[in-house]
Every structure is written in C-alpha cells, then in structure tokens.
Amino acid sequence: MVNFVNMIYRIGQGYDVHRLVEDRELWLCGVKVPHTLGLLGHSDADVAIHALCDALLGAAALHDIGYHFPDTDPKYKGADSKLLLAEVVRLLNDKEWNIGNVDVTIIAQAPKLKPFIDEMRLTLAGIMDIEPDCVSVKATTTEHLGFEGRKEGISAMAVALIYLS
C-alpha cells in the first residue's frame, strides 16, 4: 500500500465563483481588467487567485481560503487578493513546501481575456516567487451556457503541484 502522507510531491485543486455586478472593479489573477462589471465579494473577489489559493492550501493540507481569510472578518473587507496569495505562499514555505507549477482556468463569457494573460502569468509568478513558465493561465467561455454564459458571474479552477524542500 502506498503511503501518500510521506510523498515528496502533492497536487491540489481549487474552484471559486463570484457574481458579476455593477460598480465593482474586475480583478483576475491580480490584474485589473477593464470591464463594465466587476465581481462581488468580501475582498476584491479575484476568483482566479481564490481558486489558486485553495489549490495550494489543499495540496499542503492546510484547510482552505475561507479558513484562513474568513468573509466574516472585517479585516479582509476589500482585501487585495494578491496579499492573500502571498500569505498562502508564506504558509506553505513555513511548512517547507515549494511551488512546482500552477495551472489556472478562468471561465467567463466576457470580457475577452487573451490580452491580459501574459500580465496575469507574470503577476502570479512574482507573488509566488516562481518562474513564469511554471504558471499557466487560460481563459475559456461556456458557449453562452450556464451562469458564466449568461454573463452573471465568473468562475475559476486551479491545480497546483508542490514539493518538499
């Protein structure tokens, strides 16, 4: 029988969703994206960073983003998700985990995200202190199906590989 607890490598996955509303900025992967709507949330509602945080925390078995940054805590009201990701990286480093690579998929009918992907990758790589070629960011639509397709919200999925120092 394989003893997964003592493995050197671990994989985590994360998912998040936020509703699109008026009078909010749209932040995705730490980049402000021009759009008529923004994501609603207790923090800046960066759905992609939230999914990434959950993937990293899950890989290290360190609970989830809500455990560390509860939306009931006024200290996180309007919080910059880049700072939350930096704290997640610190938590992993404290346990001697390193980030191997991450892969984020943003699901949105609009806006088109292709012009922002490179900046998103560089932003995330900088926060996590890893090479940009270890960060993948992709965007897709749902062909007008579901809440993303109706432009009611945006969701994101992430996968992360971590390893011990």
N, C-alpha and C. Protein backbone atom coordinates (compact mmCIF):
# COMPACT_ATOMS: atom_id res chain seq x y z
N MET A 1 0.85 -1.18 0.00
CA MET A 1 0.00 0.00 0.00
C MET A 1 0.89 1.24 0.00
N VAL A 2 0.52 2.24 -0.81
CA VAL A 2 1.29 3.47 -0.92
C VAL A 2 0.96 4.38 0.26
N ASN A 3 1.97 4.95 0.88
CA ASN A 3 1.79 5.87 1.99
C ASN A 3 1.82 7.30 1.44
N PHE A 4 0.65 7.84 1.10
CA PHE A 4 0.56 9.16 0.48
C PHE A 4 0.99 10.28 1.42
N VAL A 5 0.91 10.07 2.73
CA VAL A 5 1.28 11.11 3.69
C VAL A 5 2.76 11.46 3.56
N ASN A 6 3.60 10.50 3.22
CA ASN A 6 5.04 10.74 3.15
C ASN A 6 5.55 11.02 1.75
N MET A 7 4.66 11.28 0.81
CA MET A 7 5.10 11.58 -0.56
C MET A 7 5.81 12.92 -0.61
N ILE A 8 6.74 13.03 -1.51
CA ILE A 8 7.51 14.26 -1.67
C ILE A 8 6.71 15.29 -2.47
N TYR A 9 5.89 14.85 -3.41
CA TYR A 9 5.09 15.74 -4.25
C TYR A 9 3.62 15.63 -3.87
N ARG A 10 2.91 16.76 -3.95
CA ARG A 10 1.46 16.77 -3.71
C ARG A 10 0.79 17.67 -4.74
N ILE A 11 -0.44 17.33 -5.05
CA ILE A 11 -1.24 18.09 -6.00
C ILE A 11 -2.51 18.56 -5.30
N GLY A 12 -2.91 19.80 -5.55
CA GLY A 12 -4.15 20.33 -5.00
C GLY A 12 -4.97 20.97 -6.10
N GLN A 13 -6.27 21.03 -5.87
CA GLN A 13 -7.14 21.69 -6.85
C GLN A 13 -8.03 22.68 -6.13
N GLY A 14 -8.42 23.73 -6.82
CA GLY A 14 -9.28 24.75 -6.24
C GLY A 14 -10.33 25.22 -7.23
N TYR A 15 -11.41 25.74 -6.69
CA TYR A 15 -12.51 26.26 -7.52
C TYR A 15 -13.14 27.42 -6.77
N ASP A 16 -13.53 28.44 -7.51
CA ASP A 16 -14.25 29.56 -6.91
C ASP A 16 -15.16 30.18 -7.95
N VAL A 17 -16.15 30.90 -7.45
CA VAL A 17 -17.11 31.58 -8.32
C VAL A 17 -17.57 32.86 -7.62
N HIS A 18 -17.75 33.91 -8.41
CA HIS A 18 -18.30 35.16 -7.90
C HIS A 18 -19.26 35.75 -8.93
N ARG A 19 -20.24 36.46 -8.43
CA ARG A 19 -21.26 37.11 -9.26
C ARG A 19 -20.72 38.42 -9.84
N LEU A 20 -21.08 38.70 -11.09
CA LEU A 20 -20.75 39.97 -11.73
C LEU A 20 -21.80 41.01 -11.36
N VAL A 21 -21.36 42.20 -10.98
CA VAL A 21 -22.27 43.29 -10.59
C VAL A 21 -21.71 44.62 -11.10
N GLU A 22 -22.55 45.63 -11.06
CA GLU A 22 -22.11 46.98 -11.42
C GLU A 22 -21.36 47.60 -10.24
N ASP A 23 -20.61 48.66 -10.55
CA ASP A 23 -19.90 49.45 -9.54
C ASP A 23 -18.83 48.67 -8.77
N ARG A 24 -18.21 47.69 -9.42
CA ARG A 24 -17.07 46.96 -8.85
C ARG A 24 -16.00 46.85 -9.93
N GLU A 25 -14.74 46.86 -9.51
CA GLU A 25 -13.64 46.62 -10.44
C GLU A 25 -13.52 45.12 -10.68
N LEU A 26 -13.03 44.77 -11.86
CA LEU A 26 -12.81 43.37 -12.20
C LEU A 26 -11.32 43.05 -12.08
N TRP A 27 -10.99 42.22 -11.08
CA TRP A 27 -9.62 41.76 -10.85
C TRP A 27 -9.56 40.27 -11.12
N LEU A 28 -8.61 39.86 -11.97
CA LEU A 28 -8.40 38.46 -12.29
C LEU A 28 -6.90 38.18 -12.30
N CYS A 29 -6.46 37.23 -11.53
CA CYS A 29 -5.04 36.88 -11.40
C CYS A 29 -4.21 38.10 -11.02
N GLY A 30 -4.77 38.97 -10.19
CA GLY A 30 -4.04 40.13 -9.72
C GLY A 30 -3.94 41.27 -10.71
N VAL A 31 -4.65 41.18 -11.83
CA VAL A 31 -4.61 42.20 -12.88
C VAL A 31 -5.99 42.84 -12.99
N LYS A 32 -6.01 44.17 -13.02
CA LYS A 32 -7.28 44.89 -13.21
C LYS A 32 -7.65 44.83 -14.69
N VAL A 33 -8.81 44.24 -14.96
CA VAL A 33 -9.28 44.05 -16.33
C VAL A 33 -10.40 45.05 -16.60
N PRO A 34 -10.26 45.90 -17.62
CA PRO A 34 -11.33 46.85 -17.93
C PRO A 34 -12.61 46.12 -18.34
N HIS A 35 -13.70 46.45 -17.67
CA HIS A 35 -14.99 45.82 -17.98
C HIS A 35 -16.08 46.66 -17.34
N THR A 36 -17.29 46.53 -17.84
CA THR A 36 -18.42 47.29 -17.30
C THR A 36 -18.91 46.74 -15.97
N LEU A 37 -18.54 45.50 -15.67
CA LEU A 37 -18.96 44.85 -14.43
C LEU A 37 -17.74 44.35 -13.67
N GLY A 38 -17.91 44.14 -12.37
CA GLY A 38 -16.85 43.57 -11.55
C GLY A 38 -17.42 42.45 -10.71
N LEU A 39 -16.57 41.75 -10.00
CA LEU A 39 -17.01 40.61 -9.20
C LEU A 39 -17.35 41.04 -7.78
N LEU A 40 -18.43 40.51 -7.28
CA LEU A 40 -18.92 40.81 -5.94
C LEU A 40 -18.31 39.85 -4.94
N GLY A 41 -17.77 40.39 -3.86
CA GLY A 41 -17.21 39.56 -2.82
C GLY A 41 -16.76 40.40 -1.65
N HIS A 42 -16.43 39.74 -0.55
CA HIS A 42 -15.97 40.43 0.65
C HIS A 42 -14.63 41.11 0.40
N SER A 43 -13.75 40.44 -0.35
CA SER A 43 -12.45 41.01 -0.71
C SER A 43 -12.61 41.67 -2.08
N ASP A 44 -11.53 41.73 -2.85
CA ASP A 44 -11.63 42.25 -4.22
C ASP A 44 -12.27 41.22 -5.15
N ALA A 45 -12.57 40.03 -4.65
CA ALA A 45 -13.29 38.97 -5.37
C ALA A 45 -12.53 38.44 -6.58
N ASP A 46 -11.21 38.42 -6.51
CA ASP A 46 -10.40 37.87 -7.60
C ASP A 46 -10.58 36.35 -7.60
N VAL A 47 -11.54 35.90 -8.36
CA VAL A 47 -11.95 34.50 -8.38
C VAL A 47 -10.79 33.57 -8.75
N ALA A 48 -9.90 34.02 -9.62
CA ALA A 48 -8.79 33.18 -10.07
C ALA A 48 -7.76 32.99 -8.95
N ILE A 49 -7.42 34.08 -8.27
CA ILE A 49 -6.48 33.94 -7.15
C ILE A 49 -7.10 33.12 -6.03
N HIS A 50 -8.39 33.27 -5.80
CA HIS A 50 -9.05 32.49 -4.75
C HIS A 50 -8.97 30.99 -5.06
N ALA A 51 -9.23 30.62 -6.31
CA ALA A 51 -9.12 29.21 -6.70
C ALA A 51 -7.68 28.73 -6.55
N LEU A 52 -6.72 29.58 -6.92
CA LEU A 52 -5.31 29.21 -6.80
C LEU A 52 -4.91 29.03 -5.33
N CYS A 53 -5.37 29.93 -4.47
CA CYS A 53 -5.08 29.79 -3.03
C CYS A 53 -5.61 28.45 -2.52
N ASP A 54 -6.84 28.10 -2.92
CA ASP A 54 -7.41 26.83 -2.47
C ASP A 54 -6.62 25.64 -3.00
N ALA A 55 -6.13 25.72 -4.24
CA ALA A 55 -5.33 24.63 -4.79
C ALA A 55 -4.03 24.46 -3.99
N LEU A 56 -3.37 25.56 -3.70
CA LEU A 56 -2.11 25.49 -2.94
C LEU A 56 -2.35 25.01 -1.51
N LEU A 57 -3.35 25.58 -0.85
CA LEU A 57 -3.66 25.16 0.52
C LEU A 57 -4.09 23.70 0.56
N GLY A 58 -4.88 23.29 -0.40
CA GLY A 58 -5.32 21.90 -0.45
C GLY A 58 -4.16 20.93 -0.65
N ALA A 59 -3.23 21.29 -1.51
CA ALA A 59 -2.07 20.42 -1.74
C ALA A 59 -1.27 20.22 -0.46
N ALA A 60 -1.20 21.26 0.36
CA ALA A 60 -0.44 21.19 1.61
C ALA A 60 -1.29 20.74 2.79
N ALA A 61 -2.56 20.42 2.54
CA ALA A 61 -3.50 20.02 3.60
C ALA A 61 -3.59 21.08 4.69
N LEU A 62 -3.69 22.35 4.25
CA LEU A 62 -3.76 23.48 5.17
C LEU A 62 -5.14 24.16 5.12
N HIS A 63 -6.18 23.37 5.04
CA HIS A 63 -7.56 23.86 5.02
C HIS A 63 -7.85 24.57 3.69
N ASP A 64 -8.63 25.67 3.75
CA ASP A 64 -9.00 26.39 2.54
C ASP A 64 -8.94 27.89 2.79
N ILE A 65 -9.21 28.66 1.75
CA ILE A 65 -9.08 30.12 1.83
C ILE A 65 -10.04 30.70 2.88
N GLY A 66 -11.23 30.15 2.98
CA GLY A 66 -12.19 30.65 3.97
C GLY A 66 -11.75 30.42 5.41
N TYR A 67 -10.98 29.38 5.63
CA TYR A 67 -10.45 29.08 6.95
C TYR A 67 -9.44 30.16 7.38
N HIS A 68 -8.58 30.53 6.44
CA HIS A 68 -7.51 31.49 6.75
C HIS A 68 -7.95 32.95 6.64
N PHE A 69 -8.90 33.22 5.74
CA PHE A 69 -9.34 34.60 5.48
C PHE A 69 -10.88 34.64 5.46
N PRO A 70 -11.53 34.44 6.59
CA PRO A 70 -13.00 34.34 6.61
C PRO A 70 -13.68 35.64 6.19
N ASP A 71 -14.78 35.48 5.44
CA ASP A 71 -15.52 36.68 4.99
C ASP A 71 -16.31 37.32 6.13
N THR A 72 -16.25 36.72 7.30
CA THR A 72 -16.87 37.31 8.49
C THR A 72 -15.91 38.25 9.23
N ASP A 73 -14.65 38.26 8.81
CA ASP A 73 -13.65 39.08 9.47
C ASP A 73 -13.54 40.42 8.73
N PRO A 74 -13.88 41.53 9.40
CA PRO A 74 -13.83 42.84 8.75
C PRO A 74 -12.44 43.22 8.22
N LYS A 75 -11.40 42.60 8.75
CA LYS A 75 -10.04 42.90 8.32
C LYS A 75 -9.83 42.55 6.84
N TYR A 76 -10.64 41.63 6.31
CA TYR A 76 -10.50 41.22 4.91
C TYR A 76 -11.48 41.91 3.98
N LYS A 77 -12.26 42.84 4.48
CA LYS A 77 -13.20 43.61 3.66
C LYS A 77 -12.40 44.39 2.63
N GLY A 78 -12.67 44.13 1.36
CA GLY A 78 -11.98 44.81 0.28
C GLY A 78 -10.53 44.40 0.10
N ALA A 79 -10.12 43.31 0.74
CA ALA A 79 -8.71 42.88 0.70
C ALA A 79 -8.22 42.63 -0.72
N ASP A 80 -6.97 42.97 -0.94
CA ASP A 80 -6.28 42.70 -2.20
C ASP A 80 -5.91 41.22 -2.21
N SER A 81 -6.46 40.48 -3.14
CA SER A 81 -6.22 39.03 -3.18
C SER A 81 -4.76 38.68 -3.44
N LYS A 82 -4.00 39.60 -4.02
CA LYS A 82 -2.56 39.35 -4.20
C LYS A 82 -1.89 39.18 -2.84
N LEU A 83 -2.35 39.94 -1.85
CA LEU A 83 -1.80 39.81 -0.50
C LEU A 83 -2.22 38.49 0.15
N LEU A 84 -3.43 38.04 -0.16
CA LEU A 84 -3.88 36.74 0.36
C LEU A 84 -3.02 35.62 -0.22
N LEU A 85 -2.74 35.70 -1.52
CA LEU A 85 -1.89 34.69 -2.15
C LEU A 85 -0.49 34.71 -1.55
N ALA A 86 0.05 35.89 -1.31
CA ALA A 86 1.38 36.00 -0.69
C ALA A 86 1.38 35.34 0.69
N GLU A 87 0.31 35.50 1.44
CA GLU A 87 0.22 34.87 2.75
C GLU A 87 0.12 33.34 2.62
N VAL A 88 -0.60 32.86 1.63
CA VAL A 88 -0.68 31.42 1.39
C VAL A 88 0.71 30.87 1.05
N VAL A 89 1.45 31.57 0.23
CA VAL A 89 2.81 31.14 -0.11
C VAL A 89 3.67 31.09 1.16
N ARG A 90 3.53 32.09 2.04
CA ARG A 90 4.28 32.09 3.30
C ARG A 90 3.91 30.88 4.15
N LEU A 91 2.60 30.56 4.22
CA LEU A 91 2.16 29.39 4.99
C LEU A 91 2.79 28.11 4.45
N LEU A 92 2.83 27.97 3.13
CA LEU A 92 3.47 26.80 2.53
C LEU A 92 4.96 26.77 2.84
N ASN A 93 5.62 27.90 2.69
CA ASN A 93 7.06 27.96 2.96
C ASN A 93 7.37 27.63 4.41
N ASP A 94 6.51 28.05 5.32
CA ASP A 94 6.71 27.73 6.74
C ASP A 94 6.70 26.22 6.98
N LYS A 95 5.98 25.49 6.14
CA LYS A 95 5.92 24.03 6.25
C LYS A 95 6.93 23.37 5.31
N GLU A 96 7.82 24.17 4.73
CA GLU A 96 8.88 23.72 3.82
C GLU A 96 8.37 23.22 2.47
N TRP A 97 7.17 23.63 2.09
CA TRP A 97 6.64 23.30 0.76
C TRP A 97 7.09 24.35 -0.24
N ASN A 98 7.43 23.91 -1.42
CA ASN A 98 7.77 24.79 -2.54
C ASN A 98 6.72 24.58 -3.62
N ILE A 99 6.51 25.59 -4.43
CA ILE A 99 5.54 25.50 -5.54
C ILE A 99 6.28 25.06 -6.78
N GLY A 100 5.83 23.95 -7.37
CA GLY A 100 6.41 23.45 -8.61
C GLY A 100 5.82 24.16 -9.81
N ASN A 101 4.53 24.03 -9.99
CA ASN A 101 3.83 24.74 -11.06
C ASN A 101 2.36 24.86 -10.72
N VAL A 102 1.70 25.80 -11.37
CA VAL A 102 0.27 26.01 -11.18
C VAL A 102 -0.40 26.19 -12.53
N ASP A 103 -1.67 25.85 -12.59
CA ASP A 103 -2.45 25.98 -13.82
C ASP A 103 -3.83 26.51 -13.43
N VAL A 104 -4.18 27.69 -13.96
CA VAL A 104 -5.44 28.36 -13.63
C VAL A 104 -6.28 28.47 -14.90
N THR A 105 -7.56 28.13 -14.79
CA THR A 105 -8.50 28.31 -15.89
C THR A 105 -9.61 29.24 -15.42
N ILE A 106 -9.82 30.32 -16.16
CA ILE A 106 -10.88 31.29 -15.87
C ILE A 106 -12.01 31.04 -16.86
N ILE A 107 -13.23 30.89 -16.34
CA ILE A 107 -14.40 30.63 -17.18
C ILE A 107 -15.27 31.87 -17.18
N ALA A 108 -15.31 32.56 -18.33
CA ALA A 108 -16.06 33.81 -18.46
C ALA A 108 -16.49 34.00 -19.90
N GLN A 109 -17.73 34.38 -20.10
CA GLN A 109 -18.20 34.69 -21.45
C GLN A 109 -17.61 36.03 -21.92
N ALA A 110 -17.48 36.96 -21.00
CA ALA A 110 -16.92 38.28 -21.29
C ALA A 110 -16.31 38.80 -19.99
N PRO A 111 -15.31 39.62 -20.10
CA PRO A 111 -14.64 40.13 -21.30
C PRO A 111 -13.65 39.12 -21.87
N LYS A 112 -13.14 39.42 -23.03
CA LYS A 112 -12.09 38.59 -23.62
C LYS A 112 -10.81 38.82 -22.82
N LEU A 113 -10.17 37.74 -22.41
CA LEU A 113 -9.03 37.85 -21.50
C LEU A 113 -7.67 37.64 -22.16
N LYS A 114 -7.65 37.23 -23.41
CA LYS A 114 -6.38 36.94 -24.08
C LYS A 114 -5.36 38.08 -23.96
N PRO A 115 -5.76 39.35 -24.09
CA PRO A 115 -4.77 40.43 -23.99
C PRO A 115 -4.12 40.56 -22.61
N PHE A 116 -4.68 39.93 -21.59
CA PHE A 116 -4.20 40.09 -20.22
C PHE A 116 -3.46 38.86 -19.67
N ILE A 117 -3.47 37.77 -20.43
CA ILE A 117 -2.93 36.50 -19.93
C ILE A 117 -1.45 36.60 -19.55
N ASP A 118 -0.63 37.21 -20.39
CA ASP A 118 0.80 37.29 -20.08
C ASP A 118 1.05 38.09 -18.81
N GLU A 119 0.34 39.21 -18.64
CA GLU A 119 0.49 40.01 -17.42
C GLU A 119 0.02 39.22 -16.20
N MET A 120 -1.04 38.44 -16.36
CA MET A 120 -1.54 37.61 -15.26
C MET A 120 -0.49 36.59 -14.85
N ARG A 121 0.12 35.93 -15.82
CA ARG A 121 1.15 34.93 -15.52
C ARG A 121 2.33 35.56 -14.78
N LEU A 122 2.78 36.72 -15.26
CA LEU A 122 3.91 37.40 -14.62
C LEU A 122 3.56 37.86 -13.21
N THR A 123 2.34 38.34 -13.03
CA THR A 123 1.90 38.80 -11.71
C THR A 123 1.89 37.64 -10.72
N LEU A 124 1.27 36.53 -11.11
CA LEU A 124 1.21 35.37 -10.22
C LEU A 124 2.60 34.81 -9.94
N ALA A 125 3.44 34.72 -10.97
CA ALA A 125 4.81 34.20 -10.78
C ALA A 125 5.57 35.06 -9.79
N GLY A 126 5.42 36.37 -9.88
CA GLY A 126 6.11 37.27 -8.97
C GLY A 126 5.67 37.08 -7.53
N ILE A 127 4.38 36.94 -7.32
CA ILE A 127 3.86 36.75 -5.96
C ILE A 127 4.35 35.43 -5.38
N MET A 128 4.36 34.39 -6.20
CA MET A 128 4.74 33.06 -5.72
C MET A 128 6.24 32.81 -5.76
N ASP A 129 6.99 33.75 -6.35
CA ASP A 129 8.44 33.63 -6.48
C ASP A 129 8.83 32.36 -7.22
N ILE A 130 8.16 32.15 -8.36
CA ILE A 130 8.49 31.05 -9.25
C ILE A 130 8.65 31.60 -10.67
N GLU A 131 9.21 30.82 -11.54
CA GLU A 131 9.42 31.26 -12.92
C GLU A 131 8.08 31.37 -13.65
N PRO A 132 7.94 32.35 -14.54
CA PRO A 132 6.69 32.49 -15.30
C PRO A 132 6.32 31.25 -16.11
N ASP A 133 7.32 30.48 -16.54
CA ASP A 133 6.98 29.28 -17.30
C ASP A 133 6.45 28.15 -16.42
N CYS A 134 6.36 28.41 -15.11
CA CYS A 134 5.73 27.47 -14.18
C CYS A 134 4.30 27.90 -13.86
N VAL A 135 3.82 28.93 -14.54
CA VAL A 135 2.47 29.45 -14.31
C VAL A 135 1.70 29.43 -15.62
N SER A 136 0.60 28.70 -15.63
CA SER A 136 -0.28 28.68 -16.78
C SER A 136 -1.59 29.36 -16.41
N VAL A 137 -2.05 30.27 -17.26
CA VAL A 137 -3.35 30.90 -17.10
C VAL A 137 -4.07 30.76 -18.43
N LYS A 138 -5.27 30.21 -18.37
CA LYS A 138 -6.07 30.02 -19.57
C LYS A 138 -7.45 30.63 -19.33
N ALA A 139 -8.10 31.01 -20.42
CA ALA A 139 -9.46 31.53 -20.32
C ALA A 139 -10.32 30.79 -21.33
N THR A 140 -11.56 30.53 -20.93
CA THR A 140 -12.50 29.87 -21.83
C THR A 140 -13.89 30.42 -21.58
N THR A 141 -14.77 30.19 -22.55
CA THR A 141 -16.17 30.56 -22.39
C THR A 141 -16.97 29.28 -22.18
N THR A 142 -18.26 29.43 -21.99
CA THR A 142 -19.14 28.26 -21.89
C THR A 142 -20.12 28.22 -23.07
N GLU A 143 -19.75 28.92 -24.16
CA GLU A 143 -20.62 28.95 -25.34
C GLU A 143 -22.03 29.40 -24.98
N HIS A 144 -22.11 30.40 -24.10
CA HIS A 144 -23.37 31.02 -23.65
C HIS A 144 -24.23 30.11 -22.78
N LEU A 145 -23.65 29.02 -22.25
CA LEU A 145 -24.38 28.13 -21.36
C LEU A 145 -24.07 28.47 -19.90
N GLY A 146 -25.02 28.24 -19.02
CA GLY A 146 -24.82 28.41 -17.59
C GLY A 146 -24.68 29.87 -17.17
N PHE A 147 -24.41 30.08 -15.87
CA PHE A 147 -24.33 31.44 -15.35
C PHE A 147 -23.19 32.23 -15.96
N GLU A 148 -22.06 31.55 -16.26
CA GLU A 148 -20.96 32.26 -16.93
C GLU A 148 -21.39 32.69 -18.33
N GLY A 149 -22.05 31.79 -19.03
CA GLY A 149 -22.50 32.09 -20.39
C GLY A 149 -23.54 33.19 -20.45
N ARG A 150 -24.33 33.32 -19.39
CA ARG A 150 -25.32 34.41 -19.32
C ARG A 150 -24.70 35.69 -18.77
N LYS A 151 -23.40 35.68 -18.53
CA LYS A 151 -22.64 36.82 -18.01
C LYS A 151 -23.12 37.26 -16.64
N GLU A 152 -23.54 36.28 -15.83
CA GLU A 152 -23.97 36.55 -14.46
C GLU A 152 -22.82 36.45 -13.47
N GLY A 153 -21.77 35.75 -13.86
CA GLY A 153 -20.64 35.54 -12.97
C GLY A 153 -19.45 34.96 -13.70
N ILE A 154 -18.37 34.81 -12.97
CA ILE A 154 -17.13 34.22 -13.49
C ILE A 154 -16.69 33.16 -12.49
N SER A 155 -16.21 32.05 -13.01
CA SER A 155 -15.65 31.01 -12.14
C SER A 155 -14.21 30.75 -12.56
N ALA A 156 -13.50 30.07 -11.68
CA ALA A 156 -12.11 29.72 -11.98
C ALA A 156 -11.78 28.40 -11.31
N MET A 157 -10.91 27.65 -11.96
CA MET A 157 -10.39 26.39 -11.43
C MET A 157 -8.87 26.50 -11.43
N ALA A 158 -8.24 25.83 -10.48
CA ALA A 158 -6.78 25.85 -10.43
C ALA A 158 -6.26 24.51 -9.94
N VAL A 159 -5.08 24.17 -10.40
CA VAL A 159 -4.36 22.98 -9.97
C VAL A 159 -2.94 23.44 -9.62
N ALA A 160 -2.40 22.87 -8.53
CA ALA A 160 -1.05 23.23 -8.12
C ALA A 160 -0.27 21.98 -7.74
N LEU A 161 1.00 21.97 -8.09
CA LEU A 161 1.93 20.93 -7.69
C LEU A 161 2.91 21.56 -6.71
N ILE A 162 3.04 20.95 -5.54
CA ILE A 162 4.01 21.42 -4.56
C ILE A 162 4.96 20.28 -4.20
N TYR A 163 6.13 20.63 -3.66
CA TYR A 163 7.10 19.62 -3.29
C TYR A 163 7.85 20.09 -2.05
N LEU A 164 8.40 19.13 -1.32
CA LEU A 164 9.16 19.44 -0.12
C LEU A 164 10.56 19.92 -0.45
N SER A 165 11.08 20.83 0.38
CA SER A 165 12.45 21.36 0.19
C SER A 165 13.46 20.25 0.41
